[in-house]
PDB file of N, CA and C in Angstrom:
ATOM      1  N   MET A   1       0.821  -1.548  -0.366  1.00  0.00           N
ATOM      2  CA  MET A   1       0.089   0.170  -0.013  1.00  0.00           C
ATOM      3  C   MET A   1       0.834   1.053  -0.203  1.00  0.00           C
ATOM      4  N   ASN A   2       0.594   2.249  -0.836  1.00  0.00           N
ATOM      5  CA  ASN A   2       1.188   3.658  -0.578  1.00  0.00           C
ATOM      6  C   ASN A   2       1.199   4.009   0.577  1.00  0.00           C
ATOM      7  N   ASP A   3       2.928   4.556   1.258  1.00  0.00           N
ATOM      8  CA  ASP A   3       3.036   5.231   2.385  1.00  0.00           C
ATOM      9  C   ASP A   3       2.331   6.999   1.816  1.00  0.00           C
ATOM     10  N   GLN A   4       2.022   7.261   0.832  1.00  0.00           N
ATOM     11  CA  GLN A   4       1.058   9.057   1.454  1.00  0.00           C
ATOM     12  C   GLN A   4      -0.547   8.770   1.527  1.00  0.00           C
ATOM     13  N   LEU A   5      -0.786   7.412   1.181  1.00  0.00           N
ATOM     14  CA  LEU A   5      -2.394   6.856   1.073  1.00  0.00           C
ATOM     15  C   LEU A   5      -2.465   6.712   2.862  1.00  0.00           C
ATOM     16  N   ILE A   6      -1.776   6.050   3.644  1.00  0.00           N
ATOM     17  CA  ILE A   6      -1.499   5.145   4.183  1.00  0.00           C
ATOM     18  C   ILE A   6      -1.111   6.657   5.619  1.00  0.00           C
ATOM     19  N   GLN A   7      -0.657   7.319   5.953  1.00  0.00           N
ATOM     20  CA  GLN A   7      -0.444   8.425   6.042  1.00  0.00           C
ATOM     21  C   GLN A   7      -0.877   9.517   5.937  1.00  0.00           C
ATOM     22  N   THR A   8      -2.248   9.938   5.002  1.00  0.00           N
ATOM     23  CA  THR A   8      -3.089  10.660   5.028  1.00  0.00           C
ATOM     24  C   THR A   8      -4.303  10.697   5.988  1.00  0.00           C
ATOM     25  N   ALA A   9      -4.531   9.064   5.425  1.00  0.00           N
ATOM     26  CA  ALA A   9      -5.970   7.940   6.052  1.00  0.00           C
ATOM     27  C   ALA A   9      -4.998   8.397   7.546  1.00  0.00           C
ATOM     28  N   GLN A  10      -4.202   8.436   8.084  1.00  0.00           N
ATOM     29  CA  GLN A  10      -4.171   8.108   9.643  1.00  0.00           C
ATOM     30  C   GLN A  10      -4.179   9.765   9.501  1.00  0.00           C
ATOM     31  N   GLN A  11      -4.098  10.173   9.068  1.00  0.00           N
ATOM     32  CA  GLN A  11      -4.435  11.812  10.061  1.00  0.00           C
ATOM     33  C   GLN A  11      -5.721  11.908   9.649  1.00  0.00           C
ATOM     34  N   LEU A  12      -6.765  11.873   9.050  1.00  0.00           N
ATOM     35  CA  LEU A  12      -7.974  11.868   8.552  1.00  0.00           C
ATOM     36  C   LEU A  12      -8.848  10.956   9.359  1.00  0.00           C
ATOM     37  N   ARG A  13      -8.088  10.283  10.347  1.00  0.00           N
ATOM     38  CA  ARG A  13      -8.319   9.507  11.385  1.00  0.00           C
ATOM     39  C   ARG A  13      -9.318   8.466  10.792  1.00  0.00           C
ATOM     40  N   LEU A  14      -9.173   7.675  10.031  1.00  0.00           N
ATOM     41  CA  LEU A  14      -9.727   6.814   8.868  1.00  0.00           C
ATOM     42  C   LEU A  14      -9.146   5.558   9.064  1.00  0.00           C
ATOM     43  N   SER A  15      -8.800   5.150  10.063  1.00  0.00           N
ATOM     44  CA  SER A  15      -8.247   3.627  10.541  1.00  0.00           C
ATOM     45  C   SER A  15      -8.786   2.019  10.425  1.00  0.00           C
ATOM     46  N   GLY A  16     -10.079   2.253   9.864  1.00  0.00           N
ATOM     47  CA  GLY A  16     -11.022   1.647   9.717  1.00  0.00           C
ATOM     48  C   GLY A  16     -11.018   1.644   8.057  1.00  0.00           C
ATOM     49  N   LEU A  17     -11.145   2.673   7.676  1.00  0.00           N
ATOM     50  CA  LEU A  17     -10.719   2.226   6.370  1.00  0.00           C
ATOM     51  C   LEU A  17      -9.561   1.458   5.773  1.00  0.00           C
ATOM     52  N   LEU A  18      -8.629   2.021   6.624  1.00  0.00           N
ATOM     53  CA  LEU A  18      -7.153   1.009   5.855  1.00  0.00           C
ATOM     54  C   LEU A  18      -7.308  -0.280   6.580  1.00  0.00           C
ATOM     55  N   GLN A  19      -8.315  -1.212   7.088  1.00  0.00           N
ATOM     56  CA  GLN A  19      -8.397  -2.078   7.591  1.00  0.00           C
ATOM     57  C   GLN A  19      -9.084  -2.668   6.144  1.00  0.00           C
ATOM     58  N   THR A  20      -9.890  -2.227   5.431  1.00  0.00           N
ATOM     59  CA  THR A  20     -10.815  -2.737   4.548  1.00  0.00           C
ATOM     60  C   THR A  20      -9.904  -3.012   3.183  1.00  0.00           C
ATOM     61  N   LEU A  21      -9.235  -1.807   2.962  1.00  0.00           N
ATOM     62  CA  LEU A  21      -8.799  -1.277   1.611  1.00  0.00           C
ATOM     63  C   LEU A  21      -8.074  -2.266   0.599  1.00  0.00           C
ATOM     64  N   ASP A  22      -7.617  -3.207   1.123  1.00  0.00           N
ATOM     65  CA  ASP A  22      -6.287  -4.052   0.308  1.00  0.00           C
ATOM     66  C   ASP A  22      -7.606  -4.844  -0.372  1.00  0.00           C
ATOM     67  N   VAL A  23      -8.730  -5.215   0.872  1.00  0.00           N
ATOM     68  CA  VAL A  23     -10.049  -6.292   0.227  1.00  0.00           C
ATOM     69  C   VAL A  23     -11.262  -5.755  -0.780  1.00  0.00           C
ATOM     70  N   ARG A  24     -11.245  -4.330  -0.756  1.00  0.00           N
ATOM     71  CA  ARG A  24     -12.469  -3.187  -1.400  1.00  0.00           C
ATOM     72  C   ARG A  24     -11.468  -3.487  -2.941  1.00  0.00           C
ATOM     73  N   LEU A  25      -9.646  -3.120  -2.618  1.00  0.00           N
ATOM     74  CA  LEU A  25      -9.235  -2.364  -4.095  1.00  0.00           C
ATOM     75  C   LEU A  25      -9.428  -4.136  -4.809  1.00  0.00           C
ATOM     76  N   GLN A  26      -9.376  -5.263  -4.004  1.00  0.00           N
ATOM     77  CA  GLN A  26      -9.518  -6.615  -4.785  1.00  0.00           C
ATOM     78  C   GLN A  26     -10.954  -6.670  -5.918  1.00  0.00           C
ATOM     79  N   GLU A  27     -11.606  -5.934  -4.468  1.00  0.00           N
ATOM     80  CA  GLU A  27     -13.502  -6.476  -5.045  1.00  0.00           C
ATOM     81  C   GLU A  27     -13.976  -5.692  -6.219  1.00  0.00           C
ATOM     82  N   ALA A  28     -12.886  -4.075  -6.486  1.00  0.00           N
ATOM     83  CA  ALA A  28     -13.224  -3.159  -7.040  1.00  0.00           C
ATOM     84  C   ALA A  28     -12.884  -3.943  -8.448  1.00  0.00           C
ATOM     85  N   ARG A  29     -11.496  -3.829  -8.574  1.00  0.00           N
ATOM     86  CA  ARG A  29     -11.317  -5.432  -9.880  1.00  0.00           C
ATOM     87  C   ARG A  29     -11.968  -6.252 -10.294  1.00  0.00           C
ATOM     88  N   ALA A  30     -12.265  -7.025  -9.661  1.00  0.00           N
ATOM     89  CA  ALA A  30     -12.449  -7.826  -9.684  1.00  0.00           C
ATOM     90  C   ALA A  30     -14.160  -7.650 -10.341  1.00  0.00           C
ATOM     91  N   ASN A  31     -14.557  -7.024  -9.858  1.00  0.00           N
ATOM     92  CA  ASN A  31     -16.437  -6.232 -10.379  1.00  0.00           C
ATOM     93  C   ASN A  31     -16.339  -5.357 -11.273  1.00  0.00           C
ATOM     94  N   GLN A  32     -15.388  -4.472 -11.214  1.00  0.00           N
ATOM     95  CA  GLN A  32     -15.161  -3.598 -12.090  1.00  0.00           C
ATOM     96  C   GLN A  32     -15.636  -2.548 -11.641  1.00  0.00           C
ATOM     97  N   LEU A  33     -15.613  -2.229 -10.077  1.00  0.00           N
ATOM     98  CA  LEU A  33     -17.014  -0.685  -9.760  1.00  0.00           C
ATOM     99  C   LEU A  33     -16.450   0.401  -9.765  1.00  0.00           C
ATOM    100  N   THR A  34     -17.686   1.276 -10.251  1.00  0.00           N
ATOM    101  CA  THR A  34     -16.939   2.584 -10.761  1.00  0.00           C
ATOM    102  C   THR A  34     -16.574   3.340  -9.137  1.00  0.00           C
ATOM    103  N   HIS A  35     -16.041   4.379  -9.461  1.00  0.00           N
ATOM    104  CA  HIS A  35     -14.922   5.094  -8.262  1.00  0.00           C
ATOM    105  C   HIS A  35     -16.053   5.304  -7.426  1.00  0.00           C
ATOM    106  N   ALA A  36     -17.132   6.069  -7.962  1.00  0.00           N
ATOM    107  CA  ALA A  36     -18.222   6.026  -6.314  1.00  0.00           C
ATOM    108  C   ALA A  36     -18.827   4.499  -5.956  1.00  0.00           C
ATOM    109  N   GLU A  37     -19.052   3.610  -6.534  1.00  0.00           N
ATOM    110  CA  GLU A  37     -19.040   2.191  -6.030  1.00  0.00           C
ATOM    111  C   GLU A  37     -18.089   2.038  -5.163  1.00  0.00           C
ATOM    112  N   PHE A  38     -17.320   2.040  -5.202  1.00  0.00           N
ATOM    113  CA  PHE A  38     -16.032   1.999  -4.452  1.00  0.00           C
ATOM    114  C   PHE A  38     -15.245   2.982  -3.764  1.00  0.00           C
ATOM    115  N   LEU A  39     -16.316   3.895  -3.675  1.00  0.00           N
ATOM    116  CA  LEU A  39     -15.772   4.952  -2.649  1.00  0.00           C
ATOM    117  C   LEU A  39     -16.947   4.608  -1.285  1.00  0.00           C
ATOM    118  N   THR A  40     -17.969   4.054  -1.918  1.00  0.00           N
ATOM    119  CA  THR A  40     -18.758   4.072  -0.914  1.00  0.00           C
ATOM    120  C   THR A  40     -18.627   2.818  -0.358  1.00  0.00           C
ATOM    121  N   LEU A  41     -18.162   1.777  -0.838  1.00  0.00           N
ATOM    122  CA  LEU A  41     -17.553   0.637   0.311  1.00  0.00           C
ATOM    123  C   LEU A  41     -17.462   0.574   1.236  1.00  0.00           C
ATOM    124  N   LEU A  42     -16.168   2.206   1.016  1.00  0.00           N
ATOM    125  CA  LEU A  42     -14.683   1.952   1.747  1.00  0.00           C
ATOM    126  C   LEU A  42     -15.497   2.841   2.747  1.00  0.00           C
ATOM    127  N   PHE A  43     -16.116   4.279   2.761  1.00  0.00           N
ATOM    128  CA  PHE A  43     -17.152   5.015   3.861  1.00  0.00           C
ATOM    129  C   PHE A  43     -17.921   3.787   4.456  1.00  0.00           C
ATOM    130  N   GLN A  44     -18.990   3.205   3.884  1.00  0.00           N
ATOM    131  CA  GLN A  44     -19.868   2.465   4.510  1.00  0.00           C
ATOM    132  C   GLN A  44     -18.744   1.365   5.736  1.00  0.00           C
ATOM    133  N   ASP A  45     -17.531   0.622   5.364  1.00  0.00           N
ATOM    134  CA  ASP A  45     -16.920   0.104   5.965  1.00  0.00           C
ATOM    135  C   ASP A  45     -16.171   1.618   7.353  1.00  0.00           C
ATOM    136  N   GLU A  46     -15.740   2.590   7.057  1.00  0.00           N
ATOM    137  CA  GLU A  46     -15.417   2.932   7.846  1.00  0.00           C
ATOM    138  C   GLU A  46     -15.958   3.319   9.057  1.00  0.00           C
ATOM    139  N   LEU A  47     -17.759   3.807   8.843  1.00  0.00           N
ATOM    140  CA  LEU A  47     -18.716   4.019   9.304  1.00  0.00           C
ATOM    141  C   LEU A  47     -19.419   2.698  10.329  1.00  0.00           C
ATOM    142  N   ALA A  48     -18.767   1.786   9.630  1.00  0.00           N
ATOM    143  CA  ALA A  48     -19.650   0.067  10.553  1.00  0.00           C
ATOM    144  C   ALA A  48     -18.506   0.128  11.842  1.00  0.00           C
ATOM    145  N   ILE A  49     -17.029   0.350  11.521  1.00  0.00           N
ATOM    146  CA  ILE A  49     -15.883   0.174  12.362  1.00  0.00           C
ATOM    147  C   ILE A  49     -15.940   0.977  13.597  1.00  0.00           C
ATOM    148  N   ARG A  50     -16.076   2.197  12.495  1.00  0.00           N
ATOM    149  CA  ARG A  50     -16.767   3.188  13.400  1.00  0.00           C
ATOM    150  C   ARG A  50     -17.921   2.771  15.296  1.00  0.00           C
ATOM    151  N   ALA A  51     -18.807   2.504  14.294  1.00  0.00           N
ATOM    152  CA  ALA A  51     -20.293   2.159  15.289  1.00  0.00           C
ATOM    153  C   ALA A  51     -20.063   0.770  16.144  1.00  0.00           C
ATOM    154  N   GLN A  52     -18.753  -0.344  15.378  1.00  0.00           N
ATOM    155  CA  GLN A  52     -18.065  -0.856  16.615  1.00  0.00           C
ATOM    156  C   GLN A  52     -17.806  -0.711  17.353  1.00  0.00           C
ATOM    157  N   ARG A  53     -16.802   0.364  17.071  1.00  0.00           N
ATOM    158  CA  ARG A  53     -16.252   0.717  18.653  1.00  0.00           C
ATOM    159  C   ARG A  53     -16.858   1.754  19.152  1.00  0.00           C
ATOM    160  N   LEU A  54     -17.417   2.303  18.584  1.00  0.00           N
ATOM    161  CA  LEU A  54     -18.462   3.331  19.813  1.00  0.00           C
ATOM    162  C   LEU A  54     -19.626   2.098  21.198  1.00  0.00           C
ATOM    163  N   ILE A  55     -20.186   0.782  20.023  1.00  0.00           N
ATOM    164  CA  ILE A  55     -20.480  -0.237  21.050  1.00  0.00           C
ATOM    165  C   ILE A  55     -19.822  -0.909  22.183  1.00  0.00           C
ATOM    166  N   ALA A  56     -18.492  -1.070  21.845  1.00  0.00           N
ATOM    167  CA  ALA A  56     -17.596  -1.277  22.382  1.00  0.00           C
ATOM    168  C   ALA A  56     -17.374  -0.294  23.729  1.00  0.00           C
ATOM    169  N   ARG A  57     -16.773   0.817  23.481  1.00  0.00           N
ATOM    170  CA  ARG A  57     -16.763   1.842  24.694  1.00  0.00           C
ATOM    171  C   ARG A  57     -17.599   1.714  25.510  1.00  0.00           C
ATOM    172  N   ARG A  58     -18.947   1.976  24.535  1.00  0.00           N
ATOM    173  CA  ARG A  58     -20.148   1.726  25.534  1.00  0.00           C
ATOM    174  C   ARG A  58     -20.483   1.020  26.793  1.00  0.00           C
ATOM    175  N   LYS A  59     -19.946  -0.890  26.171  1.00  0.00           N
ATOM    176  CA  LYS A  59     -20.192  -1.446  27.094  1.00  0.00           C
ATOM    177  C   LYS A  59     -19.566  -1.496  28.231  1.00  0.00           C
ATOM    178  N   LYS A  60     -18.186  -0.977  27.371  1.00  0.00           N
ATOM    179  CA  LYS A  60     -16.640  -1.033  28.869  1.00  0.00           C
ATOM    180  C   LYS A  60     -17.416   0.154  30.062  1.00  0.00           C
ATOM    181  N   LEU A  61     -17.677   1.154  28.987  1.00  0.00           N
ATOM    182  CA  LEU A  61     -18.197   2.496  30.618  1.00  0.00           C
ATOM    183  C   LEU A  61     -19.407   1.925  31.140  1.00  0.00           C
ATOM    184  N   ALA A  62     -19.883   0.858  30.912  1.00  0.00           N
ATOM    185  CA  ALA A  62     -21.474   0.629  31.266  1.00  0.00           C
ATOM    186  C   ALA A  62     -20.727  -0.207  32.507  1.00  0.00           C
ATOM    187  N   GLY A  63     -19.346  -0.741  32.427  1.00  0.00           N
ATOM    188  CA  GLY A  63     -19.187  -1.747  33.581  1.00  0.00           C
ATOM    189  C   GLY A  63     -19.993  -3.023  33.444  1.00  0.00           C
ATOM    190  N   PHE A  64     -21.128  -3.308  32.617  1.00  0.00           N
ATOM    191  CA  PHE A  64     -21.279  -4.693  32.682  1.00  0.00           C
ATOM    192  C   PHE A  64     -20.915  -5.935  33.195  1.00  0.00           C
ATOM    193  N   ARG A  65     -21.517  -6.961  33.964  1.00  0.00           N
ATOM    194  CA  ARG A  65     -20.630  -7.926  34.313  1.00  0.00           C
ATOM    195  C   ARG A  65     -20.206  -8.866  33.758  1.00  0.00           C
ATOM    196  N   ASP A  66     -21.513  -9.008  33.139  1.00  0.00           N
ATOM    197  CA  ASP A  66     -21.278 -10.657  32.302  1.00  0.00           C
ATOM    198  C   ASP A  66     -22.172  -9.622  30.226  1.00  0.00           C
ATOM    199  N   THR A  67     -21.638  -9.815  29.804  1.00  0.00           N
ATOM    200  CA  THR A  67     -22.080  -9.803  28.180  1.00  0.00           C
ATOM    201  C   THR A  67     -23.571 -11.171  27.943  1.00  0.00           C
ATOM    202  N   ARG A  68     -24.136 -10.795  27.585  1.00  0.00           N
ATOM    203  CA  ARG A  68     -25.813 -11.082  27.594  1.00  0.00           C
ATOM    204  C   ARG A  68     -26.505 -11.166  25.977  1.00  0.00           C
ATOM    205  N   THR A  69     -26.992 -11.951  25.142  1.00  0.00           N
ATOM    206  CA  THR A  69     -27.452 -11.974  24.346  1.00  0.00           C
ATOM    207  C   THR A  69     -28.767 -11.923  23.942  1.00  0.00           C
ATOM    208  N   LEU A  70     -30.161 -12.577  23.230  1.00  0.00           N
ATOM    209  CA  LEU A  70     -31.154 -13.275  23.103  1.00  0.00           C
ATOM    210  C   LEU A  70     -30.809 -14.362  22.834  1.00  0.00           C
ATOM    211  N   GLU A  71     -29.665 -15.061  22.900  1.00  0.00           N
ATOM    212  CA  GLU A  71     -30.250 -16.215  22.409  1.00  0.00           C
ATOM    213  C   GLU A  71     -29.751 -16.785  23.868  1.00  0.00           C
ATOM    214  N   ASP A  72     -29.137 -16.271  24.433  1.00  0.00           N
ATOM    215  CA  ASP A  72     -28.975 -16.847  26.031  1.00  0.00           C
ATOM    216  C   ASP A  72     -30.327 -16.701  26.989  1.00  0.00           C
ATOM    217  N   PHE A  73     -31.061 -15.737  26.249  1.00  0.00           N
ATOM    218  CA  PHE A  73     -32.656 -15.676  27.614  1.00  0.00           C
ATOM    219  C   PHE A  73     -33.276 -16.550  27.874  1.00  0.00           C
ATOM    220  N   ASP A  74     -34.181 -17.098  28.340  1.00  0.00           N
ATOM    221  CA  ASP A  74     -34.705 -18.313  28.751  1.00  0.00           C
ATOM    222  C   ASP A  74     -36.307 -17.243  28.015  1.00  0.00           C
ATOM    223  N   TRP A  75     -36.316 -18.052  27.819  1.00  0.00           N
ATOM    224  CA  TRP A  75     -37.927 -17.577  26.946  1.00  0.00           C
ATOM    225  C   TRP A  75     -39.049 -18.849  27.126  1.00  0.00           C
ATOM    226  N   ASN A  76     -38.628 -19.540  27.773  1.00  0.00           N
ATOM    227  CA  ASN A  76     -39.776 -20.236  29.126  1.00  0.00           C
ATOM    228  C   ASN A  76     -41.186 -19.999  29.699  1.00  0.00           C
ATOM    229  N   PHE A  77     -40.458 -18.514  30.256  1.00  0.00           N
ATOM    230  CA  PHE A  77     -41.327 -18.050  31.315  1.00  0.00           C
ATOM    231  C   PHE A  77     -42.311 -17.872  30.478  1.00  0.00           C
ATOM    232  N   MET A  78     -42.566 -17.802  29.152  1.00  0.00           N
ATOM    233  CA  MET A  78     -44.372 -17.403  29.141  1.00  0.00           C
ATOM    234  C   MET A  78     -45.133 -18.263  29.212  1.00  0.00           C
TER     235      MET A  78
END
């Protein structure tokens, strides 16, 4: 990957974009994506990673003792 691109993305705080860039470049070549389609995918990746980080930060701040999911819930009480 281009060092200038990495440095610029880091300055813009787009680390999520850097995590998926290689895969998205391969996908763009294989599927002949337009520039707009390629950029849309990259930006969606960045937003998804930011959302995941936000949820992780909020869980940590909440100080939950155990992580529970709907699959763990006992639905037999009904």
